[in-house]
Each structure stands twice: as structure tokens, then as C-alpha cells.
Amino acid sequence: MSSYQNETMALVADTGATSSAATTADGTKQRRRVALAGVITVAVCGVALAMSGSGGSLMAARSAERPRLLSSGKDEDDCNSGDYRKRTLKLAYEVPMVSLFRDMKGQRKHEASDVIKVDDTIYAVCDSSWAIAKFSDTLPPLGWENTLMGDPRRESDDSGYEAIVHEAGTFYVIRESIQMTERDKFHAIIEELRDLSPKNYTISKQCPSEFEFEGDSKGFEGAIAVRDLDFEVVMLGLCEGNHCSEKKKSDKGHGRIVAMKKAYNSTDGSCEWKTIRTIKIPKSADFKDYSSITMDSMDRVAITSQEDSQLWIGNLNGKTPSGLWDIEAMDFDNDDYDLYDFPKNDQCMTVYCNIEGIHWINEHMLIAVSDKMKKSQDFRCFDKDQSVHVFTLP
């Protein structure tokens, strides 16, 4: 879960426009590759506007515990600069999660945390529920095919589901960071689900990660699966905090992905996702947090930030001609990337404040889900929270 960090912002009407395009050391603009599909980003807005008595300039008074105005930290002229259209995702359509289901199974909140598309069907998880949401990619309100699979109250605690992955007929859902015993450290728990139906699903395995976290709030926030050179499943877990840490979470631009492979104990038959290696996310994804990850068939990886309301897209290297992955050779192309903002409102303020899940629909579109707004966030965050959104790249 993300703990929102507020910043003091000022909005001055006569401030000059600033471009968000990357600039190289020699001062020339670096054009990010158009072929990369963009995705989603979340920033939070929240300031009180007042007219100054003399010149009529708009000033933003600091509001305690409120999100910032722009993901870029610039004034409203940033939205009026010529490149706003080029660097901002465009909303295609969206609906609140609550509008999708005829039978809510007693749920009153949908704290959506991840989403995937399998064929023409969307699956989503919420960290507050043990049910798996299933619905059409057209997002029909009260659609007959839309359903919540499993018991939302399977256990007394919240599920802590922060990622869902599908590979070869098996669904993997990841509980962010769990303290298994009072003396134990924190580990993610990866559940393998089969036989999903409106009434229930079967848990075939529950295996902890070898990787340890410092607490229960900055564990794995997303994941994707690949096949290694032995054709075995390798899970790539996205850490929410910078350095995979709670203590260093605010050290922006130090995102990490943990590559893991399931292993069994020969003595008792227990399972564990053993760490293979940690992969650095390029510093061009200069985020306060990392809220979701997805990869398409062209190996384009999209990563979102909830707190920055942005989407980063880059290429993951390491795939062999056979389609299998050399995990030791995995890395990102540091110079080839795209960075996009989620759309702002008509005052250039962030309204997509809680994006926590992202998945490619096709080459140019992505589907996203939003968590419930935080108590500390501005009222503008309310309209888009607990919803499903489809965006197109500019």
C-alpha cells in the first residue's frame, strides 16, 4: 500500500511553460520512441485557489495532507504547453467497479489493486477482498457475464492481493507482504488458483517468497511471468518501494524487480519462490513508488506510479530466439523509453490519484484499475477511485 507524500505547490498564472521531454547532456531534446505504447500514471492534486487582490494572479495556498497539483511539479502552464497532447494518455472509457456486478456478494468497497486480460475477459483483484473479479473488456454495467468468483470473506483478514498473473492456464495471485509468524520476517505469498467459477476457486499451492521485506506495506505491488531457458515459470515481482525498501522508499528512481523461481524442500515438500536476481528499473522511471507492471508480446514493459500519476514504458532485453528468457541477461534499455502523464482536469490538476493496476489490451490501449482514495487525499480523487479505466496512447 502506498503512503502518500505531500508537497507544497504554488500555481501562478504568468509562469512560463516547461516541456517534460527528456534532455540530453548536450542540451538537445531526446525524442522517445513513438513505437513504445504508453500507459498510465497517477498523481494527486489538491490545493486551495484564491485570487490575489492586486494583480488577480491565481495563487495556491498550501493545504495540509493534500496531493500535489501536477505529477511534474510544475504550474498550470505545463498543461498549456505544446506537448501536452503528446505526453498524456487519452481516456477511452471507464466505469466504477461497483457498476459491473449484479451480485456484489455483500461487498461495499472495491479497492482494486491489479488487472489482467485473458482472451476477451478481464480479471481483477482487490487488496480488500478474496474474490476474483471477472468481466468483459467492454465494461458493460450489470453485465450478465460479469461475476465475483470465490468468497470475498474467505478469511477474516483482508486478502492483501496486489498482483494477478496468468500463465498456461494457472492464475497466480500475490499477497503483498505477510508476516507468517510473530517472529518471522515479512514475505510475499504467491497463491496458485485453478478451476475458477462464480461460486469458488481451487487453491492448488501457497508458497512464500524467499525475498524478505521490512514491513507489510512495501512488498510486491505487481508481477509478470516468463519462461526461462528450462521452460520453467519465473515470476518477476515489482517492488512498490524504491530499493525494495520501506526505509529508503523515498529515494526516487531506484525501482527494483525481483526474479524468482519456485523450488521444493526435499524433506517436507514445502515450496518457496527462490530469488534468482534483482533487476534495476532505469532511472528514467523517476518515481516515488511503483504500483503495477505489464509486458506485451513485443517485450514492451509498462510500469505505473500511483504517487506520481505517470506511466513509464521501456524494452526488456533477454529473450532468446526460441521465445524463452535468459534471466541472467535480463535488463532494460536505458535510452529507449516513453514517459506519460495520466489526464488532468480542466484546472490541470491530477484526478487519477490511485492507479494500482495496468495491462496491455492491444498495441495502443491499456486497461487500468484504481484503488480507494486515501483519507489524506483531495476530494478531486474521489470521482475516479475504485474504477476501471481504458486509455489510449497519444
Foldseek 3Di string as FASTA:
>chain_A
DDDFDADFAWAWPPDDADEPFDADPVGHGFDFDPLFAFDWAFAFPDFDWDADPPPRIIITDDDPLATHFALVRDHLCNCVDPCVQQFEWFFDDKDFPVQAAPCPLPDDFAFWAAWEDDPQKIWTHHQQFPWIWIDGPVRDGRDPPTATWAHRPPDVGGNQFQEWEDDPQKIKTKRFWDQPDPPRFIWIKIWIWHDTDRYYIDTPAIATAPDGAHDRPWGFRYWYWFAAPVRAIKIWTWTFAAVSYPVRRQQWQRTKIWIWGWDADPPPRGIYTYTPDMATDGSVNGASTWQYWEADPQQWIWIYHLHSGKIKIWHWDAQDPVRHGHVVPTYTDNSHMGMHHYDAPPNSGTQQRFWRYWYDPDSFKIKTAGGQDDPSYHPSNHVRHNMITMIGRD
